[in-house]
Each structure stands twice: as structure tokens, then as C-alpha cells.
Amino acid sequence: MPVTDSTPFALKIGSFLTLSGKEQSVIRRLQTRRHIFMLGHDLVYQGQHERSAYILLSGWASSYKLQPDGGRQIVDIHVPGDFLGLRSILLHKSDHNVEPVADIEVAELGMEDLLEGFARMPRLSAAILWAASRDEAMVAERLVSLGRRTAIARVAHFMLELGERLALVGQGSDAGYDCPLTQYQLADALGLSAVHANRVLRQLRLKGMMTFRDGYVAFDDRDGLVDLAGFDPAYLDQVGPLQRKIISETGPVRMATSPAPQKQV
């Protein structure tokens, strides 16, 4: 059955597998316990023991780690459809903070919610594992940026990545997207000073490739930006549903394997 639920989370999971009616019902139930968090109020705290995970329904958030000297490093930016604090309910205590970039709406999840969903619909467990693996791939790509890309390529790559992620949930296009990040947050996420980030954004604007102004990112020359960043979106794994790899909707999840090579004589 084609996806009929148009929430960002359903659209994201639907990029991994074509959701059945029953799976859509489970996804709707996972999004029923809703809360609003205002800017300036963290919803996950580093070192916290009693905690929940969340699905980001609207707005943007950031994950960050605090340092002993009081400094902080943004380790991820979250857009609608993303999990927030998922590993926090798996570890003994949370290893990071999550704060809204602007006011956000979330759906709260406990370990019991996830386990029940997995038991009822095993394919959803594979889809959520895919989402977590995709997040890990983005962290790996960010490490490449921090270690090997120039500042201008780093910013270009990150803005293109955000555009691809937003397009997946119907909130971005090749032309651009709304972006509530401040230049300070962008700098913190990319290991730059705010002054350096401002200088890079100005360079991209003067090159006629990208403009970030008044909360909107406009791709003026997207192809040129892709070339500058060396951007290959394959790591985002957004090429379409992978349902062909999953044999049973309600039984064990098995991945298709290639036939064993024939022994040559």
C-alpha cells in the first residue's frame, strides 16, 4: 500500500520501505504523545538517567556536548522526521544535550513504545535501524569535513546535505529551503568561528553559488556548489524504498543474499 501518512517521520521511514496500512497505524500511534518545547529549554540533558526519546514533528533542534570548561560543540542538527535522543534510552545515561533551534513540537517515546512497535511490525525495526545507520553515515561525513575539507567546501557540503534531508520530508528543493540556524550555530556545528563562517557565506554569495539571508538558503548555482563541495549524496541513502530486500512483513526480517559463487574446475 502506498504511503498516505504525510508527516515528516512517515515520509522518512517510507523512503526505506513502502508502508502497509498496519505499519502506518503503528507510526501514527508513535506520534500521539505530543509536547511543545520552547527555545532555550533543553529536552535531553547530558548525564540524565530518566529520559525519553522523541520524534521531531516540526521545527529544528541541535544535539551538543558540554566540555568541562563550559564550552560546547554542536554534534548534529535535526530536522523534522528525525529521532532526538534515541541512543539516550539505550545507554545508561544520556551522553549529549538536545535543544530546540526554535520552538518545536515532538512526540515522546519510551523504550516500551519502541519494543511494542518492533514486536508488532518487525519491518519497522529494520526501518528504524536504517534511520540510525543513516545518522551514523552523516556523522562520518561530518568528520571528513572537519578533517579534510576547506572551510568553504565544508559549509557548502553541509548546506547541500541539509537541503537533501529536507527534500526527503517535503520541506526543501533544489532551489533552497527555510533555515532557522544562526551563523553562530552553523559555525559551532562546523568547527569554525562565527567570523570565519560569515566570511565563507559572503564568499559563496559573491561567487553566485548560494545565499543565506533572512532565514532562507537559496541555491543560486547548485551545480557549481556541488562541484565545489565534492558533494555525493549516496551516503544519505535516499534512492527509494528498499522493500525488495525484506521478505516478510510480519515474520522475521531477512536480507536477500547473493548466490554463492560457482566453484571453477
C-alpha atoms as a PDB file:
ATOM      1  CA  MET A   1       0.000   0.000   0.000  1.00  0.00           C
ATOM      2  CA  PRO A   2       1.418   3.444  -0.825  1.00  0.00           C
ATOM      3  CA  VAL A   3       2.235   5.870   1.917  1.00  0.00           C
ATOM      4  CA  THR A   4      -0.764   8.031   2.839  1.00  0.00           C
ATOM      5  CA  ASP A   5       0.583   9.493   6.067  1.00  0.00           C
ATOM      6  CA  SER A   6       2.316  12.736   5.092  1.00  0.00           C
ATOM      7  CA  THR A   7       4.035  13.520   8.402  1.00  0.00           C
ATOM      8  CA  PRO A   8       7.810  14.014   8.070  1.00  0.00           C
ATOM      9  CA  PHE A   9       8.515  10.864  10.078  1.00  0.00           C
ATOM     10  CA  ALA A  10       6.270   8.726   7.872  1.00  0.00           C
ATOM     11  CA  LEU A  11       7.813  10.218   4.742  1.00  0.00           C
ATOM     12  CA  LYS A  12      11.300   9.473   6.057  1.00  0.00           C
ATOM     13  CA  ILE A  13      10.526   5.868   7.031  1.00  0.00           C
ATOM     14  CA  GLY A  14       8.621   5.489   3.746  1.00  0.00           C
ATOM     15  CA  SER A  15      11.841   6.164   1.865  1.00  0.00           C
ATOM     16  CA  PHE A  16      13.157   2.873   3.259  1.00  0.00           C
ATOM     17  CA  LEU A  17      10.080   0.698   2.752  1.00  0.00           C
ATOM     18  CA  THR A  18       6.594   1.042   1.334  1.00  0.00           C
ATOM     19  CA  LEU A  19       4.414   1.218   4.425  1.00  0.00           C
ATOM     20  CA  SER A  20       1.401  -1.029   4.784  1.00  0.00           C
ATOM     21  CA  GLY A  21      -1.800   0.217   6.402  1.00  0.00           C
ATOM     22  CA  LYS A  22      -0.941  -1.557   9.661  1.00  0.00           C
ATOM     23  CA  GLU A  23       2.546  -0.062   9.701  1.00  0.00           C
ATOM     24  CA  GLN A  24       1.124   3.395   9.125  1.00  0.00           C
ATOM     25  CA  SER A  25      -1.187   2.852  12.109  1.00  0.00           C
ATOM     26  CA  VAL A  26       1.778   1.965  14.322  1.00  0.00           C
ATOM     27  CA  ILE A  27       3.647   5.054  13.115  1.00  0.00           C
ATOM     28  CA  ARG A  28       0.630   7.230  13.922  1.00  0.00           C
ATOM     29  CA  ARG A  29       0.484   5.757  17.428  1.00  0.00           C
ATOM     30  CA  LEU A  30       4.170   6.511  17.929  1.00  0.00           C
ATOM     31  CA  GLN A  31       3.390  10.181  17.280  1.00  0.00           C
ATOM     32  CA  THR A  32       0.423  10.657  19.623  1.00  0.00           C
ATOM     33  CA  ARG A  33       2.121  11.770  22.885  1.00  0.00           C
ATOM     34  CA  ARG A  34       2.994  15.288  21.764  1.00  0.00           C
ATOM     35  CA  HIS A  35       4.796  18.142  23.520  1.00  0.00           C
ATOM     36  CA  ILE A  36       5.950  21.660  22.707  1.00  0.00           C
ATOM     37  CA  PHE A  37       9.453  22.731  23.748  1.00  0.00           C
ATOM     38  CA  MET A  38      10.308  26.394  23.634  1.00  0.00           C
ATOM     39  CA  LEU A  39      13.593  27.889  22.535  1.00  0.00           C
ATOM     40  CA  GLY A  40      16.009  27.875  25.486  1.00  0.00           C
ATOM     41  CA  HIS A  41      14.582  24.734  27.124  1.00  0.00           C
ATOM     42  CA  ASP A  42      16.572  21.527  26.542  1.00  0.00           C
ATOM     43  CA  LEU A  43      14.592  18.312  26.217  1.00  0.00           C
ATOM     44  CA  VAL A  44      17.522  15.900  26.728  1.00  0.00           C
ATOM     45  CA  TYR A  45      20.352  16.547  29.186  1.00  0.00           C
ATOM     46  CA  GLN A  46      23.870  15.139  29.220  1.00  0.00           C
ATOM     47  CA  GLY A  47      24.209  12.743  32.162  1.00  0.00           C
ATOM     48  CA  GLN A  48      20.444  12.319  32.540  1.00  0.00           C
ATOM     49  CA  HIS A  49      19.264   8.877  33.751  1.00  0.00           C
ATOM     50  CA  GLU A  50      15.464   9.006  33.488  1.00  0.00           C
ATOM     51  CA  ARG A  51      14.784  10.041  29.935  1.00  0.00           C
ATOM     52  CA  SER A  52      12.707   9.615  26.787  1.00  0.00           C
ATOM     53  CA  ALA A  53      13.417   9.719  23.091  1.00  0.00           C
ATOM     54  CA  TYR A  54      11.441  11.910  20.714  1.00  0.00           C
ATOM     55  CA  ILE A  55      10.377  12.207  17.107  1.00  0.00           C
ATOM     56  CA  LEU A  56      10.789  15.756  15.827  1.00  0.00           C
ATOM     57  CA  LEU A  57       7.441  16.708  14.285  1.00  0.00           C
ATOM     58  CA  SER A  58       8.082  20.356  13.435  1.00  0.00           C
ATOM     59  CA  GLY A  59      10.930  22.830  13.863  1.00  0.00           C
ATOM     60  CA  TRP A  60      14.675  22.205  14.123  1.00  0.00           C
ATOM     61  CA  ALA A  61      16.843  21.072  17.035  1.00  0.00           C
ATOM     62  CA  SER A  62      20.529  20.547  17.755  1.00  0.00           C
ATOM     63  CA  SER A  63      22.465  17.954  19.719  1.00  0.00           C
ATOM     64  CA  TYR A  64      25.507  19.219  21.588  1.00  0.00           C
ATOM     65  CA  LYS A  65      28.099  18.080  24.097  1.00  0.00           C
ATOM     66  CA  LEU A  66      29.331  20.138  27.014  1.00  0.00           C
ATOM     67  CA  GLN A  67      33.028  20.372  27.849  1.00  0.00           C
ATOM     68  CA  PRO A  68      34.482  20.617  31.381  1.00  0.00           C
ATOM     69  CA  ASP A  69      35.396  24.270  30.799  1.00  0.00           C
ATOM     70  CA  GLY A  70      31.787  25.114  29.911  1.00  0.00           C
ATOM     71  CA  GLY A  71      32.330  25.164  26.164  1.00  0.00           C
ATOM     72  CA  ARG A  72      30.112  23.208  23.846  1.00  0.00           C
ATOM     73  CA  GLN A  73      30.223  21.540  20.448  1.00  0.00           C
ATOM     74  CA  ILE A  74      27.167  21.012  18.265  1.00  0.00           C
ATOM     75  CA  VAL A  75      27.394  17.429  17.008  1.00  0.00           C
ATOM     76  CA  ASP A  76      24.233  17.303  14.903  1.00  0.00           C
ATOM     77  CA  ILE A  77      21.401  19.383  13.508  1.00  0.00           C
ATOM     78  CA  HIS A  78      17.970  17.741  13.447  1.00  0.00           C
ATOM     79  CA  VAL A  79      15.140  18.438  11.011  1.00  0.00           C
ATOM     80  CA  PRO A  80      11.503  17.232  11.044  1.00  0.00           C
ATOM     81  CA  GLY A  81      11.211  13.449  10.906  1.00  0.00           C
ATOM     82  CA  ASP A  82      14.413  12.846  12.880  1.00  0.00           C
ATOM     83  CA  PHE A  83      14.757  10.998  16.164  1.00  0.00           C
ATOM     84  CA  LEU A  84      16.007  13.011  19.123  1.00  0.00           C
ATOM     85  CA  GLY A  85      17.897  11.300  21.927  1.00  0.00           C
ATOM     86  CA  LEU A  86      17.291   7.796  20.585  1.00  0.00           C
ATOM     87  CA  ARG A  87      20.538   6.384  21.965  1.00  0.00           C
ATOM     88  CA  SER A  88      19.796   8.038  25.299  1.00  0.00           C
ATOM     89  CA  ILE A  89      17.162   5.411  26.101  1.00  0.00           C
ATOM     90  CA  LEU A  90      19.584   2.637  25.149  1.00  0.00           C
ATOM     91  CA  LEU A  91      22.580   3.852  27.175  1.00  0.00           C
ATOM     92  CA  HIS A  92      22.707   4.018  30.972  1.00  0.00           C
ATOM     93  CA  LYS A  93      22.690   7.790  30.753  1.00  0.00           C
ATOM     94  CA  SER A  94      22.489  10.401  28.048  1.00  0.00           C
ATOM     95  CA  ASP A  95      25.820  11.419  26.528  1.00  0.00           C
ATOM     96  CA  HIS A  96      24.575  14.677  24.993  1.00  0.00           C
ATOM     97  CA  ASN A  97      22.067  17.510  25.237  1.00  0.00           C
ATOM     98  CA  VAL A  98      19.297  18.315  22.775  1.00  0.00           C
ATOM     99  CA  GLU A  99      17.922  21.837  22.463  1.00  0.00           C
ATOM    100  CA  PRO A 100      15.421  23.485  20.121  1.00  0.00           C
ATOM    101  CA  VAL A 101      16.832  25.770  17.444  1.00  0.00           C
ATOM    102  CA  ALA A 102      13.402  27.431  17.547  1.00  0.00           C
ATOM    103  CA  ASP A 103      10.132  26.357  19.207  1.00  0.00           C
ATOM    104  CA  ILE A 104       9.480  22.721  18.296  1.00  0.00           C
ATOM    105  CA  GLU A 105       6.784  20.059  18.541  1.00  0.00           C
ATOM    106  CA  VAL A 106       7.847  16.497  19.344  1.00  0.00           C
ATOM    107  CA  ALA A 107       6.295  13.098  20.006  1.00  0.00           C
ATOM    108  CA  GLU A 108       7.637  11.403  23.133  1.00  0.00           C
ATOM    109  CA  LEU A 109       8.771   7.775  23.002  1.00  0.00           C
ATOM    110  CA  GLY A 110       9.758   5.382  25.747  1.00  0.00           C
ATOM    111  CA  MET A 111      11.606   2.100  25.405  1.00  0.00           C
ATOM    112  CA  GLU A 112       8.264   0.284  25.777  1.00  0.00           C
ATOM    113  CA  ASP A 113       6.797   2.162  22.809  1.00  0.00           C
ATOM    114  CA  LEU A 114       9.651   1.099  20.562  1.00  0.00           C
ATOM    115  CA  LEU A 115       9.702  -2.522  21.731  1.00  0.00           C
ATOM    116  CA  GLU A 116       5.946  -2.832  21.229  1.00  0.00           C
ATOM    117  CA  GLY A 117       6.214  -1.378  17.752  1.00  0.00           C
ATOM    118  CA  PHE A 118       9.079  -3.731  16.896  1.00  0.00           C
ATOM    119  CA  ALA A 119       7.145  -6.756  18.175  1.00  0.00           C
ATOM    120  CA  ARG A 120       4.008  -5.853  16.226  1.00  0.00           C
ATOM    121  CA  MET A 121       5.748  -4.852  12.998  1.00  0.00           C
ATOM    122  CA  PRO A 122       9.273  -6.283  12.615  1.00  0.00           C
ATOM    123  CA  ARG A 123       9.858  -4.372   9.378  1.00  0.00           C
ATOM    124  CA  LEU A 124       9.655  -1.113  11.331  1.00  0.00           C
ATOM    125  CA  SER A 125      12.602  -2.227  13.450  1.00  0.00           C
ATOM    126  CA  ALA A 126      14.617  -2.564  10.235  1.00  0.00           C
ATOM    127  CA  ALA A 127      13.434   0.873   9.108  1.00  0.00           C
ATOM    128  CA  ILE A 128      14.430   2.493  12.404  1.00  0.00           C
ATOM    129  CA  LEU A 129      17.796   0.707  12.262  1.00  0.00           C
ATOM    130  CA  TRP A 130      18.174   2.183   8.770  1.00  0.00           C
ATOM    131  CA  ALA A 131      17.415   5.669  10.134  1.00  0.00           C
ATOM    132  CA  ALA A 132      20.013   5.227  12.890  1.00  0.00           C
ATOM    133  CA  SER A 133      22.582   3.902  10.396  1.00  0.00           C
ATOM    134  CA  ARG A 134      21.912   6.862   8.115  1.00  0.00           C
ATOM    135  CA  ASP A 135      22.543   9.229  11.012  1.00  0.00           C
ATOM    136  CA  GLU A 136      25.851   7.453  11.661  1.00  0.00           C
ATOM    137  CA  ALA A 137      26.793   7.884   7.992  1.00  0.00           C
ATOM    138  CA  MET A 138      26.137  11.624   8.288  1.00  0.00           C
ATOM    139  CA  VAL A 139      28.371  11.838  11.365  1.00  0.00           C
ATOM    140  CA  ALA A 140      31.134  10.053   9.439  1.00  0.00           C
ATOM    141  CA  GLU A 141      30.756  12.512   6.567  1.00  0.00           C
ATOM    142  CA  ARG A 142      30.918  15.398   9.044  1.00  0.00           C
ATOM    143  CA  LEU A 143      34.217  14.020  10.366  1.00  0.00           C
ATOM    144  CA  VAL A 144      35.579  14.041   6.823  1.00  0.00           C
ATOM    145  CA  SER A 145      34.512  17.681   6.508  1.00  0.00           C
ATOM    146  CA  LEU A 146      36.146  18.683   9.779  1.00  0.00           C
ATOM    147  CA  GLY A 147      39.365  16.863   8.980  1.00  0.00           C
ATOM    148  CA  ARG A 148      39.822  17.261   5.230  1.00  0.00           C
ATOM    149  CA  ARG A 149      37.552  19.848   3.620  1.00  0.00           C
ATOM    150  CA  THR A 150      38.352  23.524   3.378  1.00  0.00           C
ATOM    151  CA  ALA A 151      36.076  25.902   5.241  1.00  0.00           C
ATOM    152  CA  ILE A 152      34.205  26.932   2.096  1.00  0.00           C
ATOM    153  CA  ALA A 153      33.752  23.319   0.935  1.00  0.00           C
ATOM    154  CA  ARG A 154      32.684  22.351   4.462  1.00  0.00           C
ATOM    155  CA  VAL A 155      29.914  24.947   4.572  1.00  0.00           C
ATOM    156  CA  ALA A 156      28.786  24.168   1.021  1.00  0.00           C
ATOM    157  CA  HIS A 157      28.641  20.423   1.752  1.00  0.00           C
ATOM    158  CA  PHE A 158      26.664  20.907   4.959  1.00  0.00           C
ATOM    159  CA  MET A 159      24.096  23.208   3.342  1.00  0.00           C
ATOM    160  CA  LEU A 160      23.618  20.776   0.464  1.00  0.00           C
ATOM    161  CA  GLU A 161      23.173  17.910   2.934  1.00  0.00           C
ATOM    162  CA  LEU A 162      20.504  19.829   4.823  1.00  0.00           C
ATOM    163  CA  GLY A 163      18.721  20.501   1.539  1.00  0.00           C
ATOM    164  CA  GLU A 164      18.667  16.802   0.658  1.00  0.00           C
ATOM    165  CA  ARG A 165      17.400  15.839   4.119  1.00  0.00           C
ATOM    166  CA  LEU A 166      14.628  18.426   3.964  1.00  0.00           C
ATOM    167  CA  ALA A 167      13.622  17.420   0.436  1.00  0.00           C
ATOM    168  CA  LEU A 168      13.070  13.875   1.722  1.00  0.00           C
ATOM    169  CA  VAL A 169      10.324  15.138   4.056  1.00  0.00           C
ATOM    170  CA  GLY A 170       8.825  17.651   1.632  1.00  0.00           C
ATOM    171  CA  GLN A 171      10.438  20.777   3.091  1.00  0.00           C
ATOM    172  CA  GLY A 172      13.219  21.571   0.629  1.00  0.00           C
ATOM    173  CA  SER A 173      14.004  21.602  -3.072  1.00  0.00           C
ATOM    174  CA  ASP A 174      16.867  22.201  -5.491  1.00  0.00           C
ATOM    175  CA  ALA A 175      16.032  25.909  -5.234  1.00  0.00           C
ATOM    176  CA  GLY A 176      16.551  26.132  -1.451  1.00  0.00           C
ATOM    177  CA  TYR A 177      14.873  25.834   1.922  1.00  0.00           C
ATOM    178  CA  ASP A 178      13.904  27.689   5.095  1.00  0.00           C
ATOM    179  CA  CYS A 179      16.750  27.551   7.619  1.00  0.00           C
ATOM    180  CA  PRO A 180      16.390  28.858  11.204  1.00  0.00           C
ATOM    181  CA  LEU A 181      20.090  28.393  12.081  1.00  0.00           C
ATOM    182  CA  THR A 182      22.077  31.384  13.193  1.00  0.00           C
ATOM    183  CA  GLN A 183      25.596  31.902  11.887  1.00  0.00           C
ATOM    184  CA  TYR A 184      26.852  31.117  15.401  1.00  0.00           C
ATOM    185  CA  GLN A 185      25.107  27.718  15.330  1.00  0.00           C
ATOM    186  CA  LEU A 186      26.367  26.994  11.840  1.00  0.00           C
ATOM    187  CA  ALA A 187      29.899  27.863  12.942  1.00  0.00           C
ATOM    188  CA  ASP A 188      29.619  25.694  16.062  1.00  0.00           C
ATOM    189  CA  ALA A 189      28.429  22.707  14.019  1.00  0.00           C
ATOM    190  CA  LEU A 190      31.279  23.033  11.515  1.00  0.00           C
ATOM    191  CA  GLY A 191      34.213  23.854  13.792  1.00  0.00           C
ATOM    192  CA  LEU A 192      34.532  27.451  12.621  1.00  0.00           C
ATOM    193  CA  SER A 193      34.458  30.806  14.350  1.00  0.00           C
ATOM    194  CA  ALA A 194      31.371  32.939  13.717  1.00  0.00           C
ATOM    195  CA  VAL A 195      33.575  35.476  11.914  1.00  0.00           C
ATOM    196  CA  HIS A 196      35.007  32.779   9.642  1.00  0.00           C
ATOM    197  CA  ALA A 197      31.547  31.345   8.917  1.00  0.00           C
ATOM    198  CA  ASN A 198      30.300  34.818   7.991  1.00  0.00           C
ATOM    199  CA  ARG A 199      33.268  35.299   5.661  1.00  0.00           C
ATOM    200  CA  VAL A 200      32.633  31.948   3.953  1.00  0.00           C
ATOM    201  CA  LEU A 201      28.944  32.693   3.437  1.00  0.00           C
ATOM    202  CA  ARG A 202      29.894  36.004   1.875  1.00  0.00           C
ATOM    203  CA  GLN A 203      32.345  34.234  -0.457  1.00  0.00           C
ATOM    204  CA  LEU A 204      29.636  31.800  -1.569  1.00  0.00           C
ATOM    205  CA  ARG A 205      27.281  34.695  -2.224  1.00  0.00           C
ATOM    206  CA  LEU A 206      29.884  36.637  -4.225  1.00  0.00           C
ATOM    207  CA  LYS A 207      30.644  33.512  -6.272  1.00  0.00           C
ATOM    208  CA  GLY A 208      26.947  33.394  -7.173  1.00  0.00           C
ATOM    209  CA  MET A 209      26.507  29.907  -5.717  1.00  0.00           C
ATOM    210  CA  MET A 210      24.462  30.284  -2.535  1.00  0.00           C
ATOM    211  CA  THR A 211      22.759  32.998  -0.498  1.00  0.00           C
ATOM    212  CA  PHE A 212      21.829  32.566   3.178  1.00  0.00           C
ATOM    213  CA  ARG A 213      19.731  35.532   4.214  1.00  0.00           C
ATOM    214  CA  ASP A 214      16.670  36.184   6.422  1.00  0.00           C
ATOM    215  CA  GLY A 215      16.289  32.526   7.379  1.00  0.00           C
ATOM    216  CA  TYR A 216      16.364  31.174   3.838  1.00  0.00           C
ATOM    217  CA  VAL A 217      19.065  29.284   1.929  1.00  0.00           C
ATOM    218  CA  ALA A 218      18.881  29.927  -1.830  1.00  0.00           C
ATOM    219  CA  PHE A 219      20.914  27.764  -4.211  1.00  0.00           C
ATOM    220  CA  ASP A 220      21.852  30.273  -6.896  1.00  0.00           C
ATOM    221  CA  ASP A 221      24.161  27.828  -8.703  1.00  0.00           C
ATOM    222  CA  ARG A 222      23.534  24.398  -7.212  1.00  0.00           C
ATOM    223  CA  ASP A 223      25.675  22.531  -9.733  1.00  0.00           C
ATOM    224  CA  GLY A 224      28.617  24.805  -9.008  1.00  0.00           C
ATOM    225  CA  LEU A 225      28.068  24.347  -5.275  1.00  0.00           C
ATOM    226  CA  VAL A 226      28.039  20.549  -5.704  1.00  0.00           C
ATOM    227  CA  ASP A 227      31.335  20.707  -7.603  1.00  0.00           C
ATOM    228  CA  LEU A 228      32.900  22.984  -5.008  1.00  0.00           C
ATOM    229  CA  ALA A 229      31.877  20.706  -2.121  1.00  0.00           C
ATOM    230  CA  GLY A 230      32.556  17.429  -3.913  1.00  0.00           C
ATOM    231  CA  PHE A 231      29.045  16.511  -2.762  1.00  0.00           C
ATOM    232  CA  ASP A 232      27.842  12.956  -3.431  1.00  0.00           C
ATOM    233  CA  PRO A 233      24.503  12.282  -1.675  1.00  0.00           C
ATOM    234  CA  ALA A 234      24.874   8.486  -1.866  1.00  0.00           C
ATOM    235  CA  TYR A 235      25.640   8.295   1.875  1.00  0.00           C
ATOM    236  CA  LEU A 236      22.166   9.677   2.616  1.00  0.00           C
ATOM    237  CA  ASP A 237      20.602   6.568   1.019  1.00  0.00           C
ATOM    238  CA  GLN A 238      17.573   8.371  -0.404  1.00  0.00           C
ATOM    239  CA  VAL A 239      17.255   6.488  -3.689  1.00  0.00           C
ATOM    240  CA  GLY A 240      13.878   4.905  -2.914  1.00  0.00           C
ATOM    241  CA  PRO A 241      12.214   2.144  -0.893  1.00  0.00           C
ATOM    242  CA  LEU A 242      14.382  -0.911  -0.224  1.00  0.00           C
ATOM    243  CA  GLN A 243      11.361  -3.116   0.410  1.00  0.00           C
ATOM    244  CA  ARG A 244      12.544  -5.664  -2.147  1.00  0.00           C
ATOM    245  CA  LYS A 245      15.176  -6.718   0.403  1.00  0.00           C
ATOM    246  CA  ILE A 246      12.606  -7.571   3.059  1.00  0.00           C
ATOM    247  CA  ILE A 247      10.790 -10.862   2.562  1.00  0.00           C
ATOM    248  CA  SER A 248       8.085 -10.838   5.218  1.00  0.00           C
ATOM    249  CA  GLU A 249       6.001  -8.020   6.656  1.00  0.00           C
ATOM    250  CA  THR A 250       5.105  -9.784   9.897  1.00  0.00           C
ATOM    251  CA  GLY A 251       7.724 -12.519  10.156  1.00  0.00           C
ATOM    252  CA  PRO A 252      11.485 -12.366  10.679  1.00  0.00           C
ATOM    253  CA  VAL A 253      13.321  -9.724   8.711  1.00  0.00           C
ATOM    254  CA  ARG A 254      15.728 -11.376   6.291  1.00  0.00           C
ATOM    255  CA  MET A 255      18.027  -9.629   3.885  1.00  0.00           C
ATOM    256  CA  ALA A 256      18.362 -11.064   0.396  1.00  0.00           C
ATOM    257  CA  THR A 257      21.766 -12.580  -0.277  1.00  0.00           C
ATOM    258  CA  SER A 258      23.661 -13.114  -3.485  1.00  0.00           C
ATOM    259  CA  PRO A 259      24.034 -16.701  -4.730  1.00  0.00           C
ATOM    260  CA  ALA A 260      27.234 -18.436  -3.733  1.00  0.00           C
ATOM    261  CA  PRO A 261      29.922 -18.257  -6.402  1.00  0.00           C
ATOM    262  CA  GLN A 262      30.279 -21.384  -8.515  1.00  0.00           C
ATOM    263  CA  LYS A 263      33.426 -23.383  -7.944  1.00  0.00           C
ATOM    264  CA  GLN A 264      35.566 -23.345 -11.012  1.00  0.00           C
ATOM    265  CA  VAL A 265      37.168 -26.508 -12.292  1.00  0.00           C
END
